[in-house]
Amino acid sequence: MTTTLAGAIESGRVEDITRSVIETFQRAKSMRAWANEALAPALHALREGYEGQKWWYPDLVQREMALLEGMRLCEREVSSAEQESSPVVVVATMKGEPYRGGKDVYANALSAFGLRVVDAGVHRTPQQLTQAVLDSQADALCICMFASLPSAVMLAGKIPGWLAATAWGKTTKTVLAGYGANRQLSTELGFDGYAGDGAEAARVVQDLCREGGVQEHEGRGGAR
């Protein structure tokens, strides 16, 4: 029996992944503790396995869906006091991004790390995302990008301009997240930060929204 969630991700057995989510969640003292101790290593394992070509896209999707299923079964109400002062982050994919499931993993991960998440859905335009930011008065916008197709990248590059044209959007931080995210692409698009997985995305959003800005950490996420 696999004892860690990251180990279950490595094994790739769907039932082990879902069961490990439940067991590690039940042992954790809090949602935040579980996110740090079990979820973060699992998300790193997902990213490294895919980028290191240990498994292919269908294997990645299978692992992510099993992880999501376990998280949904363990879902708890997070007290308003726990998230009262947390940043609000809009999560979405751009129009032209073919992969949908990864966004759900990011949204659940950001929530597990204590952020107030507004899921704006998939295949969104810059106009739609700007409106979602304004409607929710979001502190950050996290764009999930996995395939980095030219059409999605082009639309993502328009987001900073759309946000800057609004009073609230001028202060909203932008984060490029996903297996296609890196410092160079983030800089070219004019985003404030980037993250390679959901745990890094949570840390980057928190750092960007904190006075003093983003802090560089070991790993791939950071400021542009």
Protein backbone atom coordinates (compact mmCIF):
# COMPACT_ATOMS: atom_id res chain seq x y z
CA MET A 1 0.00 0.00 0.00
CA THR A 2 1.42 3.38 -0.98
CA THR A 3 1.88 5.62 2.04
CA THR A 4 2.41 9.00 0.38
CA LEU A 5 0.33 10.86 -2.15
CA ALA A 6 3.40 11.63 -4.24
CA GLY A 7 4.24 7.91 -4.24
CA ALA A 8 0.72 7.11 -5.41
CA ILE A 9 1.13 9.62 -8.23
CA GLU A 10 4.36 7.89 -9.23
CA SER A 11 2.66 4.48 -9.24
CA GLY A 12 -0.15 5.72 -11.48
CA ARG A 13 -2.76 3.39 -10.03
CA VAL A 14 -6.02 5.33 -9.96
CA GLU A 15 -7.43 3.63 -6.89
CA ASP A 16 -4.19 4.21 -4.96
CA ILE A 17 -4.14 7.92 -5.82
CA THR A 18 -7.75 8.52 -4.76
CA ARG A 19 -7.34 6.43 -1.60
CA SER A 20 -4.09 8.20 -0.71
CA VAL A 21 -5.77 11.60 -1.01
CA ILE A 22 -8.42 10.49 1.46
CA GLU A 23 -5.99 8.89 3.92
CA THR A 24 -3.48 11.73 3.97
CA PHE A 25 -6.31 14.25 4.26
CA GLN A 26 -7.79 12.43 7.24
CA ARG A 27 -4.41 12.34 8.99
CA ALA A 28 -3.71 16.04 8.45
CA LYS A 29 -4.38 18.56 11.20
CA SER A 30 -5.86 21.08 8.79
CA MET A 31 -6.50 21.77 5.11
CA ARG A 32 -3.38 23.97 4.94
CA ALA A 33 -1.25 21.30 6.61
CA TRP A 34 -2.46 18.70 4.12
CA ALA A 35 -1.75 21.06 1.22
CA ASN A 36 1.83 21.62 2.36
CA GLU A 37 2.66 18.10 3.49
CA ALA A 38 0.88 15.92 0.93
CA LEU A 39 -0.54 17.93 -1.97
CA ALA A 40 2.53 20.03 -2.81
CA PRO A 41 4.87 17.02 -3.25
CA ALA A 42 2.18 15.27 -5.31
CA LEU A 43 1.81 18.26 -7.64
CA HIS A 44 5.59 18.44 -8.05
CA ALA A 45 5.62 14.72 -8.90
CA LEU A 46 2.92 15.28 -11.53
CA ARG A 47 4.87 18.04 -13.20
CA GLU A 48 8.25 16.35 -13.06
CA GLY A 49 6.89 13.06 -14.34
CA TYR A 50 5.28 14.68 -17.34
CA GLU A 51 8.11 17.07 -18.16
CA GLY A 52 10.68 14.31 -17.64
CA GLN A 53 8.65 12.09 -20.01
CA LYS A 54 8.17 9.36 -17.41
CA TRP A 55 4.62 9.20 -18.74
CA TRP A 56 2.65 10.65 -21.61
CA TYR A 57 -0.34 12.94 -21.80
CA PRO A 58 -3.04 10.24 -21.28
CA ASP A 59 -1.16 9.04 -18.18
CA LEU A 60 -0.98 12.61 -16.87
CA VAL A 61 -4.73 13.10 -17.35
CA GLN A 62 -5.48 9.81 -15.59
CA ARG A 63 -3.40 10.84 -12.58
CA GLU A 64 -4.93 14.31 -12.43
CA MET A 65 -8.47 12.98 -12.62
CA ALA A 66 -7.78 10.50 -9.79
CA LEU A 67 -6.30 13.31 -7.71
CA LEU A 68 -9.34 15.51 -8.35
CA GLU A 69 -11.73 12.70 -7.45
CA GLY A 70 -10.02 12.24 -4.09
CA MET A 71 -10.04 15.97 -3.41
CA ARG A 72 -13.75 16.20 -4.18
CA LEU A 73 -14.53 13.30 -1.85
CA CYS A 74 -12.56 15.04 0.92
CA GLU A 75 -13.90 18.51 0.32
CA ARG A 76 -14.48 20.46 3.54
CA GLU A 77 -15.97 23.80 4.22
CA VAL A 78 -13.17 26.26 4.90
CA SER A 79 -14.26 28.76 7.53
CA SER A 80 -14.75 32.32 6.38
CA ALA A 81 -12.32 33.41 9.07
CA GLU A 82 -9.60 31.20 7.56
CA GLN A 83 -9.93 32.84 4.13
CA GLU A 84 -11.22 36.24 5.18
CA SER A 85 -8.00 38.11 4.45
CA SER A 86 -6.72 35.81 1.70
CA PRO A 87 -6.23 37.10 -1.84
CA VAL A 88 -8.98 36.51 -4.39
CA VAL A 89 -7.67 34.81 -7.52
CA VAL A 90 -9.50 34.19 -10.81
CA VAL A 91 -8.46 30.92 -12.48
CA ALA A 92 -9.12 30.09 -16.14
CA THR A 93 -7.71 28.91 -19.45
CA MET A 94 -7.53 30.96 -22.62
CA LYS A 95 -9.58 30.41 -25.74
CA GLY A 96 -7.47 28.06 -27.85
CA GLU A 97 -6.09 26.04 -24.93
CA PRO A 98 -7.11 22.42 -25.65
CA TYR A 99 -6.56 20.92 -22.19
CA ARG A 100 -9.35 21.52 -19.67
CA GLY A 101 -8.65 19.20 -16.72
CA GLY A 102 -5.45 20.83 -15.51
CA LYS A 103 -7.31 24.04 -14.68
CA ASP A 104 -9.47 22.16 -12.18
CA VAL A 105 -6.37 20.78 -10.47
CA TYR A 106 -4.98 24.31 -10.16
CA ALA A 107 -8.25 25.75 -8.87
CA ASN A 108 -8.54 23.07 -6.19
CA ALA A 109 -4.88 23.42 -5.23
CA LEU A 110 -5.12 27.20 -4.86
CA SER A 111 -8.18 26.77 -2.66
CA ALA A 112 -6.44 24.12 -0.54
CA PHE A 113 -3.62 26.59 0.10
CA GLY A 114 -6.15 29.08 1.48
CA LEU A 115 -6.77 31.38 -1.47
CA ARG A 116 -10.29 32.50 -2.40
CA VAL A 117 -10.75 31.06 -5.87
CA VAL A 118 -13.10 32.28 -8.60
CA ASP A 119 -13.23 29.65 -11.34
CA ALA A 120 -13.86 31.56 -14.57
CA GLY A 121 -13.91 28.40 -16.69
CA VAL A 122 -12.18 27.44 -19.92
CA HIS A 123 -11.68 28.91 -23.40
CA ARG A 124 -12.01 32.50 -22.15
CA THR A 125 -11.18 35.69 -24.04
CA PRO A 126 -9.23 38.64 -22.57
CA GLN A 127 -12.49 40.62 -22.38
CA GLN A 128 -14.25 37.87 -20.44
CA LEU A 129 -11.37 37.49 -18.02
CA THR A 130 -11.09 41.22 -17.43
CA GLN A 131 -14.80 41.27 -16.60
CA ALA A 132 -14.36 38.31 -14.23
CA VAL A 133 -11.57 40.19 -12.44
CA LEU A 134 -13.71 43.32 -12.12
CA ASP A 135 -16.82 41.42 -11.00
CA SER A 136 -14.93 39.57 -8.27
CA GLN A 137 -12.52 42.43 -7.46
CA ALA A 138 -9.76 39.86 -7.76
CA ASP A 139 -6.26 40.45 -6.46
CA ALA A 140 -4.77 38.07 -9.02
CA LEU A 141 -5.51 36.31 -12.30
CA CYS A 142 -4.02 32.87 -12.88
CA ILE A 143 -4.00 31.70 -16.50
CA CYS A 144 -3.45 27.95 -16.85
CA MET A 145 -1.51 27.07 -19.98
CA PHE A 146 -0.40 23.56 -20.86
CA ALA A 147 -0.03 23.25 -24.63
CA SER A 148 1.21 26.82 -25.28
CA LEU A 149 -0.52 26.91 -28.66
CA PRO A 150 0.08 30.16 -30.59
CA SER A 151 -3.59 31.22 -30.54
CA ALA A 152 -3.84 30.89 -26.75
CA VAL A 153 -0.48 32.57 -26.19
CA MET A 154 -1.46 35.50 -28.42
CA LEU A 155 -4.70 36.06 -26.50
CA ALA A 156 -2.94 35.77 -23.14
CA GLY A 157 -0.57 38.52 -24.21
CA LYS A 158 -3.51 40.91 -24.51
CA ILE A 159 -4.62 40.46 -20.89
CA PRO A 160 -2.19 42.93 -19.22
CA GLY A 161 -3.37 45.67 -21.58
CA TRP A 162 -7.03 44.97 -20.93
CA LEU A 163 -6.50 44.98 -17.17
CA ALA A 164 -4.41 48.15 -17.27
CA ALA A 165 -7.27 49.96 -18.97
CA THR A 166 -9.42 49.56 -15.85
CA ALA A 167 -8.99 51.18 -12.46
CA TRP A 168 -9.16 47.90 -10.51
CA GLY A 169 -7.25 45.85 -13.06
CA LYS A 170 -4.19 48.08 -12.82
CA THR A 171 -3.41 46.53 -9.44
CA THR A 172 -4.37 42.93 -10.30
CA LYS A 173 -1.38 40.57 -10.46
CA THR A 174 -1.10 38.16 -13.38
CA VAL A 175 0.37 34.66 -13.13
CA LEU A 176 1.04 32.24 -15.97
CA ALA A 177 0.74 28.69 -14.66
CA GLY A 178 0.99 25.19 -16.08
CA TYR A 179 3.41 22.87 -17.78
CA GLY A 180 3.91 25.42 -20.54
CA ALA A 181 4.77 28.26 -18.16
CA ASN A 182 8.29 29.62 -17.80
CA ARG A 183 10.07 32.89 -17.06
CA GLN A 184 10.73 33.77 -20.70
CA LEU A 185 7.14 33.32 -21.82
CA SER A 186 5.81 35.10 -18.75
CA THR A 187 8.08 38.07 -19.45
CA GLU A 188 7.15 38.19 -23.14
CA LEU A 189 3.45 38.26 -22.26
CA GLY A 190 3.90 40.94 -19.61
CA PHE A 191 2.73 38.76 -16.72
CA ASP A 192 3.90 39.38 -13.17
CA GLY A 193 4.88 35.81 -12.35
CA TYR A 194 4.83 32.17 -13.43
CA ALA A 195 4.45 28.76 -11.81
CA GLY A 196 5.04 25.19 -12.90
CA ASP A 197 2.40 23.56 -10.69
CA GLY A 198 -0.49 24.38 -8.36
CA ALA A 199 1.60 24.59 -5.19
CA GLU A 200 4.01 27.04 -6.82
CA ALA A 201 1.07 29.01 -8.22
CA ALA A 202 -0.35 29.43 -4.72
CA ARG A 203 2.99 30.61 -3.37
CA VAL A 204 3.57 33.04 -6.26
CA VAL A 205 0.08 34.55 -5.93
CA GLN A 206 0.53 34.96 -2.17
CA ASP A 207 3.95 36.54 -2.63
CA LEU A 208 2.79 38.92 -5.37
CA CYS A 209 -0.16 40.06 -3.29
CA ARG A 210 1.95 40.50 -0.18
CA GLU A 211 3.76 43.75 0.48
CA GLY A 212 7.29 43.39 -0.85
CA GLY A 213 6.31 41.32 -3.87
CA VAL A 214 7.31 37.87 -5.00
CA GLN A 215 10.16 35.99 -3.39
CA GLU A 216 12.29 33.58 -5.41
CA HIS A 217 12.13 30.01 -4.09
CA GLU A 218 13.70 26.74 -5.00
CA GLY A 219 11.61 25.40 -7.87
CA ARG A 220 10.41 26.91 -11.10
CA GLY A 221 7.88 29.51 -10.01
CA GLY A 222 8.75 33.12 -9.44
CA ALA A 223 8.60 36.66 -10.67
CA ARG A 224 9.34 37.57 -14.22
